[in-house]
């Protein structure tokens, strides 16, 4: 069964509206179960096949390249885990910036012709940070505690508001500039504003876990999976998704086991949410560069 692009995103929008009202009917515990199921399934899966993507995009001998990529990939993940443990505040800033860029790139890469331009990169960063700071600001009390647990630093709500407004201003400026030479971006202006209104409503009524999970799974991971399957197999359908899943499964399982090990090792010194976000940060870091290469081939 093939997935029409319009139907795919209409489904995501419908699921977002459902997610918007579900907190009214579900307890926080049930929301956490659904949220983490989404994060640990589609959320982790969309970055689990990076080595296969690298292999497909590289023209070097497969076996030698795969082994080399494996060691580099694992080295980057482990290095980021160490950085998070030794200098967590710097690692957290790096994670926010990298994730912001990655979220913005996933959302807009197909609407911008010159993706390698500095303006495009600045726009991706600004928009992704806008989404992240909407989540952080509307859940500032929870977020401040999580950041303090992760880094030992106490940030203020006013700082989160300042960063939110700065990212909003940056997004508007770069959107206007890029729209002059990118018709697809210009034509989607109203739709993109409505998306932001939808996100804001969702983040306002939800806690940080539900907010992050809904955006991360529905608006980032699923579109990313779709793009990867399209690039690797030519089209997105159940058959090709199953091929992707079979390739990704061992790495997905290893990631889940790794997450369990991290939680077990640091369960007495850090809370669960801090560990989850730290682990997502560690596996996100190399994934961003893999997807940048993939989008560069589109």
Protein backbone atom coordinates (compact mmCIF):
# COMPACT_ATOMS: atom_id res chain seq x y z
CA UNK A 1 0.00 0.00 0.00
CA UNK A 2 1.41 3.37 -1.07
CA UNK A 3 1.13 6.48 1.09
CA UNK A 4 -0.02 9.64 -0.63
CA UNK A 5 1.91 12.65 0.72
CA UNK A 6 -1.27 14.62 1.39
CA UNK A 7 -2.92 11.75 3.26
CA UNK A 8 0.27 11.15 5.24
CA UNK A 9 0.38 14.70 6.62
CA UNK A 10 -3.39 14.95 7.08
CA UNK A 11 -3.10 11.86 9.27
CA UNK A 12 -0.32 13.50 11.31
CA UNK A 13 -2.44 16.64 11.74
CA UNK A 14 -5.46 14.56 12.83
CA UNK A 15 -3.35 12.64 15.34
CA UNK A 16 -2.00 15.96 16.68
CA UNK A 17 -5.54 17.23 17.31
CA UNK A 18 -6.30 13.96 19.11
CA UNK A 19 -3.12 14.41 21.18
CA UNK A 20 -4.27 17.94 21.99
CA UNK A 21 -7.43 16.74 23.76
CA UNK A 22 -6.18 13.45 25.21
CA UNK A 23 -4.55 15.06 28.31
CA UNK A 24 -8.06 16.03 29.42
CA UNK A 25 -9.09 12.36 29.59
CA UNK A 26 -5.84 10.58 30.47
CA UNK A 27 -3.90 10.58 33.71
CA UNK A 28 -0.28 11.72 33.61
CA UNK A 29 0.88 8.14 34.16
CA UNK A 30 -1.02 6.91 31.09
CA UNK A 31 0.29 9.85 29.05
CA UNK A 32 3.84 8.94 30.07
CA UNK A 33 3.33 5.32 28.99
CA UNK A 34 2.02 6.36 25.55
CA UNK A 35 4.68 9.08 25.16
CA UNK A 36 7.61 6.80 25.96
CA UNK A 37 6.19 4.03 23.78
CA UNK A 38 6.24 6.50 20.91
CA UNK A 39 9.73 7.79 21.71
CA UNK A 40 11.23 4.32 22.20
CA UNK A 41 9.57 2.93 19.07
CA UNK A 42 9.31 5.35 16.14
CA UNK A 43 11.41 8.02 17.84
CA UNK A 44 14.45 5.79 18.33
CA UNK A 45 13.80 3.77 15.16
CA UNK A 46 14.10 6.77 12.84
CA UNK A 47 17.73 7.19 13.88
CA UNK A 48 18.60 3.51 14.20
CA UNK A 49 19.37 2.91 10.54
CA UNK A 50 22.04 5.58 10.17
CA UNK A 51 24.79 3.09 9.34
CA UNK A 52 22.72 1.57 6.54
CA UNK A 53 21.96 5.05 5.20
CA UNK A 54 25.68 5.88 5.24
CA UNK A 55 26.42 2.63 3.41
CA UNK A 56 23.84 3.41 0.72
CA UNK A 57 25.07 6.98 0.23
CA UNK A 58 28.76 6.12 0.08
CA UNK A 59 30.50 4.79 -3.00
CA UNK A 60 33.40 3.18 -1.13
CA UNK A 61 33.66 -0.64 -0.65
CA UNK A 62 30.76 -1.61 1.58
CA UNK A 63 32.45 -3.89 4.12
CA UNK A 64 35.40 -1.59 4.85
CA UNK A 65 33.17 1.48 4.87
CA UNK A 66 30.61 -0.15 7.17
CA UNK A 67 33.22 -1.11 9.78
CA UNK A 68 34.81 2.34 9.62
CA UNK A 69 31.40 4.05 9.90
CA UNK A 70 30.42 1.78 12.80
CA UNK A 71 33.47 2.73 14.86
CA UNK A 72 33.10 6.43 14.04
CA UNK A 73 29.38 6.33 14.85
CA UNK A 74 29.83 4.54 18.17
CA UNK A 75 32.76 6.79 19.01
CA UNK A 76 30.69 9.92 18.48
CA UNK A 77 27.82 8.57 20.62
CA UNK A 78 30.15 7.53 23.45
CA UNK A 79 32.04 10.83 23.27
CA UNK A 80 28.78 12.73 23.62
CA UNK A 81 27.77 10.57 26.60
CA UNK A 82 31.11 11.38 28.25
CA UNK A 83 30.69 15.09 27.52
CA UNK A 84 27.20 14.98 29.01
CA UNK A 85 28.63 13.40 32.15
CA UNK A 86 31.71 15.66 32.49
CA UNK A 87 30.39 19.04 31.29
CA UNK A 88 26.60 18.57 31.08
CA UNK A 89 25.72 22.25 30.67
CA UNK A 90 27.84 22.58 27.52
CA UNK A 91 26.48 19.28 26.23
CA UNK A 92 22.92 20.44 26.86
CA UNK A 93 23.51 23.65 24.88
CA UNK A 94 25.03 21.61 22.05
CA UNK A 95 22.05 19.25 22.09
CA UNK A 96 19.53 22.11 21.94
CA UNK A 97 21.35 23.77 19.03
CA UNK A 98 21.87 20.55 17.06
CA UNK A 99 18.32 19.32 17.69
CA UNK A 100 16.92 22.72 16.77
CA UNK A 101 18.76 22.67 13.46
CA UNK A 102 17.71 19.08 12.80
CA UNK A 103 14.02 19.74 13.56
CA UNK A 104 13.99 22.78 11.29
CA UNK A 105 15.79 20.96 8.50
CA UNK A 106 13.37 18.03 8.60
CA UNK A 107 10.39 20.37 8.50
CA UNK A 108 11.54 22.60 5.63
CA UNK A 109 14.28 20.87 3.61
CA UNK A 110 11.90 19.98 0.76
CA UNK A 111 10.77 23.61 0.39
CA UNK A 112 14.22 25.21 0.00
CA UNK A 113 16.22 24.76 -3.19
CA UNK A 114 19.69 25.71 -1.93
CA UNK A 115 19.84 23.70 1.28
CA UNK A 116 23.58 24.25 1.69
CA UNK A 117 23.24 28.04 1.95
CA UNK A 118 24.01 29.83 5.21
CA UNK A 119 20.54 31.44 5.16
CA UNK A 120 18.85 28.03 4.95
CA UNK A 121 20.94 26.71 7.85
CA UNK A 122 20.15 29.77 9.97
CA UNK A 123 16.46 29.38 9.19
CA UNK A 124 16.47 25.68 10.08
CA UNK A 125 18.18 26.52 13.37
CA UNK A 126 15.84 29.41 14.21
CA UNK A 127 12.67 27.48 13.45
CA UNK A 128 13.76 24.34 15.28
CA UNK A 129 14.74 26.41 18.31
CA UNK A 130 11.36 28.15 18.13
CA UNK A 131 9.59 24.80 18.43
CA UNK A 132 11.89 23.65 21.24
CA UNK A 133 11.55 26.87 23.23
CA UNK A 134 7.76 26.79 22.83
CA UNK A 135 7.90 23.39 24.56
CA UNK A 136 10.37 24.60 27.19
CA UNK A 137 8.65 27.91 27.99
CA UNK A 138 5.11 26.52 28.23
CA UNK A 139 6.45 23.84 30.59
CA UNK A 140 9.00 26.06 32.31
CA UNK A 141 8.51 24.76 35.86
CA UNK A 142 9.20 21.15 34.85
CA UNK A 143 11.98 22.15 32.47
CA UNK A 144 13.84 24.25 35.03
CA UNK A 145 13.92 21.27 37.40
CA UNK A 146 15.10 18.89 34.67
CA UNK A 147 17.87 21.26 33.58
CA UNK A 148 18.96 21.71 37.19
CA UNK A 149 19.05 17.93 37.68
CA UNK A 150 21.02 17.42 34.47
CA UNK A 151 23.52 20.27 34.83
CA UNK A 152 23.35 21.70 38.35
CA UNK A 153 22.45 25.12 36.91
CA UNK A 154 19.24 26.97 37.70
CA UNK A 155 17.84 28.79 34.66
CA UNK A 156 15.09 31.38 34.89
CA UNK A 157 11.72 31.49 33.19
CA UNK A 158 12.58 34.93 31.81
CA UNK A 159 15.62 33.45 30.02
CA UNK A 160 13.41 30.84 28.36
CA UNK A 161 11.02 33.61 27.26
CA UNK A 162 13.88 35.69 25.86
CA UNK A 163 15.20 32.71 23.89
CA UNK A 164 11.69 31.97 22.62
CA UNK A 165 11.17 35.52 21.36
CA UNK A 166 14.66 35.60 19.81
CA UNK A 167 14.04 32.37 17.90
CA UNK A 168 10.63 33.67 16.76
CA UNK A 169 12.20 36.87 15.44
CA UNK A 170 14.98 34.95 13.70
CA UNK A 171 12.48 32.56 12.11
CA UNK A 172 10.39 35.43 10.76
CA UNK A 173 13.39 37.27 9.30
CA UNK A 174 14.90 34.24 7.57
CA UNK A 175 11.48 33.01 6.41
CA UNK A 176 10.79 36.33 4.67
CA UNK A 177 14.24 36.43 3.05
CA UNK A 178 14.13 32.82 1.83
CA UNK A 179 10.53 33.12 0.59
CA UNK A 180 11.67 35.55 -2.13
CA UNK A 181 13.57 32.78 -3.95
CA UNK A 182 11.65 29.70 -2.80
CA UNK A 183 8.10 29.57 -4.12
CA UNK A 184 7.24 26.42 -2.17
CA UNK A 185 8.20 28.08 1.09
CA UNK A 186 6.25 31.25 0.25
CA UNK A 187 3.11 29.35 -0.72
CA UNK A 188 3.11 27.43 2.57
CA UNK A 189 3.27 30.54 4.81
CA UNK A 190 -0.32 30.36 6.08
CA UNK A 191 -0.09 26.61 6.65
CA UNK A 192 3.16 27.01 8.59
CA UNK A 193 1.62 29.69 10.81
CA UNK A 194 -1.36 27.42 11.51
CA UNK A 195 1.03 24.60 12.39
CA UNK A 196 2.77 26.85 14.93
CA UNK A 197 -0.59 27.80 16.43
CA UNK A 198 -1.46 24.09 16.69
CA UNK A 199 1.92 23.33 18.31
CA UNK A 200 1.49 26.21 20.76
CA UNK A 201 -1.94 24.99 21.81
CA UNK A 202 -0.63 21.45 22.28
CA UNK A 203 2.41 22.55 24.30
CA UNK A 204 0.32 24.91 26.43
CA UNK A 205 -2.14 22.25 27.61
CA UNK A 206 0.40 19.40 27.90
CA UNK A 207 3.36 18.67 30.14
CA UNK A 208 6.90 18.55 28.78
CA UNK A 209 6.98 14.79 28.16
CA UNK A 210 3.71 14.69 26.22
CA UNK A 211 4.60 17.88 24.30
CA UNK A 212 8.03 16.62 23.28
CA UNK A 213 6.82 13.12 22.43
CA UNK A 214 3.98 14.27 20.18
CA UNK A 215 6.20 16.65 18.21
CA UNK A 216 9.22 14.33 18.16
CA UNK A 217 7.24 11.29 16.99
CA UNK A 218 4.53 12.76 14.74
CA UNK A 219 6.24 15.81 13.23
CA UNK A 220 9.86 14.70 13.19
CA UNK A 221 10.37 10.94 13.38
CA UNK A 222 7.58 9.80 11.05
CA UNK A 223 8.41 12.34 8.29
CA UNK A 224 12.08 11.41 8.70
CA UNK A 225 11.25 7.71 8.33
CA UNK A 226 9.24 8.54 5.21
CA UNK A 227 12.15 10.51 3.70
CA UNK A 228 14.65 7.77 4.49
CA UNK A 229 12.50 5.00 3.00
CA UNK A 230 11.87 7.13 -0.10
CA UNK A 231 15.60 7.77 -0.56
CA UNK A 232 16.66 4.16 0.08
CA UNK A 233 13.90 2.25 -1.74
CA UNK A 234 12.27 4.72 -4.13
CA UNK A 235 8.86 5.04 -2.48
CA UNK A 236 7.22 4.87 0.93
CA UNK A 237 4.88 1.93 1.36
CA UNK A 238 4.38 -0.93 3.84
CA UNK A 239 6.67 -3.28 1.92
CA UNK A 240 9.60 -0.85 1.84
CA UNK A 241 8.99 0.27 5.42
CA UNK A 242 9.24 -3.38 6.50
CA UNK A 243 12.57 -3.66 4.63
CA UNK A 244 13.77 -0.58 6.49
CA UNK A 245 12.56 -1.97 9.82
CA UNK A 246 14.37 -5.29 9.32
CA UNK A 247 17.62 -3.45 8.62
CA UNK A 248 17.15 -1.07 11.56
CA UNK A 249 15.92 -3.59 14.12
CA UNK A 250 19.32 -4.77 15.48
CA UNK A 251 20.47 -1.16 15.95
CA UNK A 252 17.10 -0.17 17.44
CA UNK A 253 17.33 -3.06 19.90
CA UNK A 254 20.91 -2.11 20.79
CA UNK A 255 19.76 1.46 21.42
CA UNK A 256 16.99 0.32 23.74
CA UNK A 257 19.41 -1.93 25.64
CA UNK A 258 21.88 0.97 25.83
CA UNK A 259 19.14 3.19 27.23
CA UNK A 260 18.39 0.56 29.87
CA UNK A 261 22.07 0.35 30.83
CA UNK A 262 22.34 4.15 31.14
CA UNK A 263 19.24 4.30 33.36
CA UNK A 264 20.53 1.47 35.55
CA UNK A 265 24.01 3.00 35.95
CA UNK A 266 22.82 6.48 36.87
CA UNK A 267 19.44 5.77 38.47
CA UNK A 268 20.68 6.84 41.90
CA UNK A 269 22.17 10.17 40.80
CA UNK A 270 19.80 11.41 38.05
CA UNK A 271 16.05 11.30 37.52
CA UNK A 272 14.56 9.26 34.69
CA UNK A 273 13.59 12.21 32.47
CA UNK A 274 17.10 13.66 32.63
CA UNK A 275 18.57 10.32 31.59
CA UNK A 276 16.10 9.88 28.71
CA UNK A 277 16.83 13.32 27.28
CA UNK A 278 20.58 12.81 27.72
CA UNK A 279 20.41 9.49 25.86
CA UNK A 280 18.33 10.99 23.04
CA UNK A 281 20.93 13.75 22.80
CA UNK A 282 23.76 11.22 22.47
CA UNK A 283 22.17 9.31 19.59
CA UNK A 284 20.85 12.49 17.93
CA UNK A 285 24.31 14.02 17.52
CA UNK A 286 25.62 11.67 14.77
CA UNK A 287 22.13 11.23 13.27
CA UNK A 288 21.99 14.93 12.37
CA UNK A 289 25.07 14.65 10.16
CA UNK A 290 23.80 11.49 8.47
CA UNK A 291 20.49 13.17 7.60
CA UNK A 292 22.32 16.27 6.41
CA UNK A 293 24.16 14.09 3.91
CA UNK A 294 20.92 12.35 2.90
CA UNK A 295 19.10 15.63 2.28
CA UNK A 296 22.09 16.89 0.33
CA UNK A 297 21.50 14.05 -2.14
CA UNK A 298 17.82 14.86 -2.69
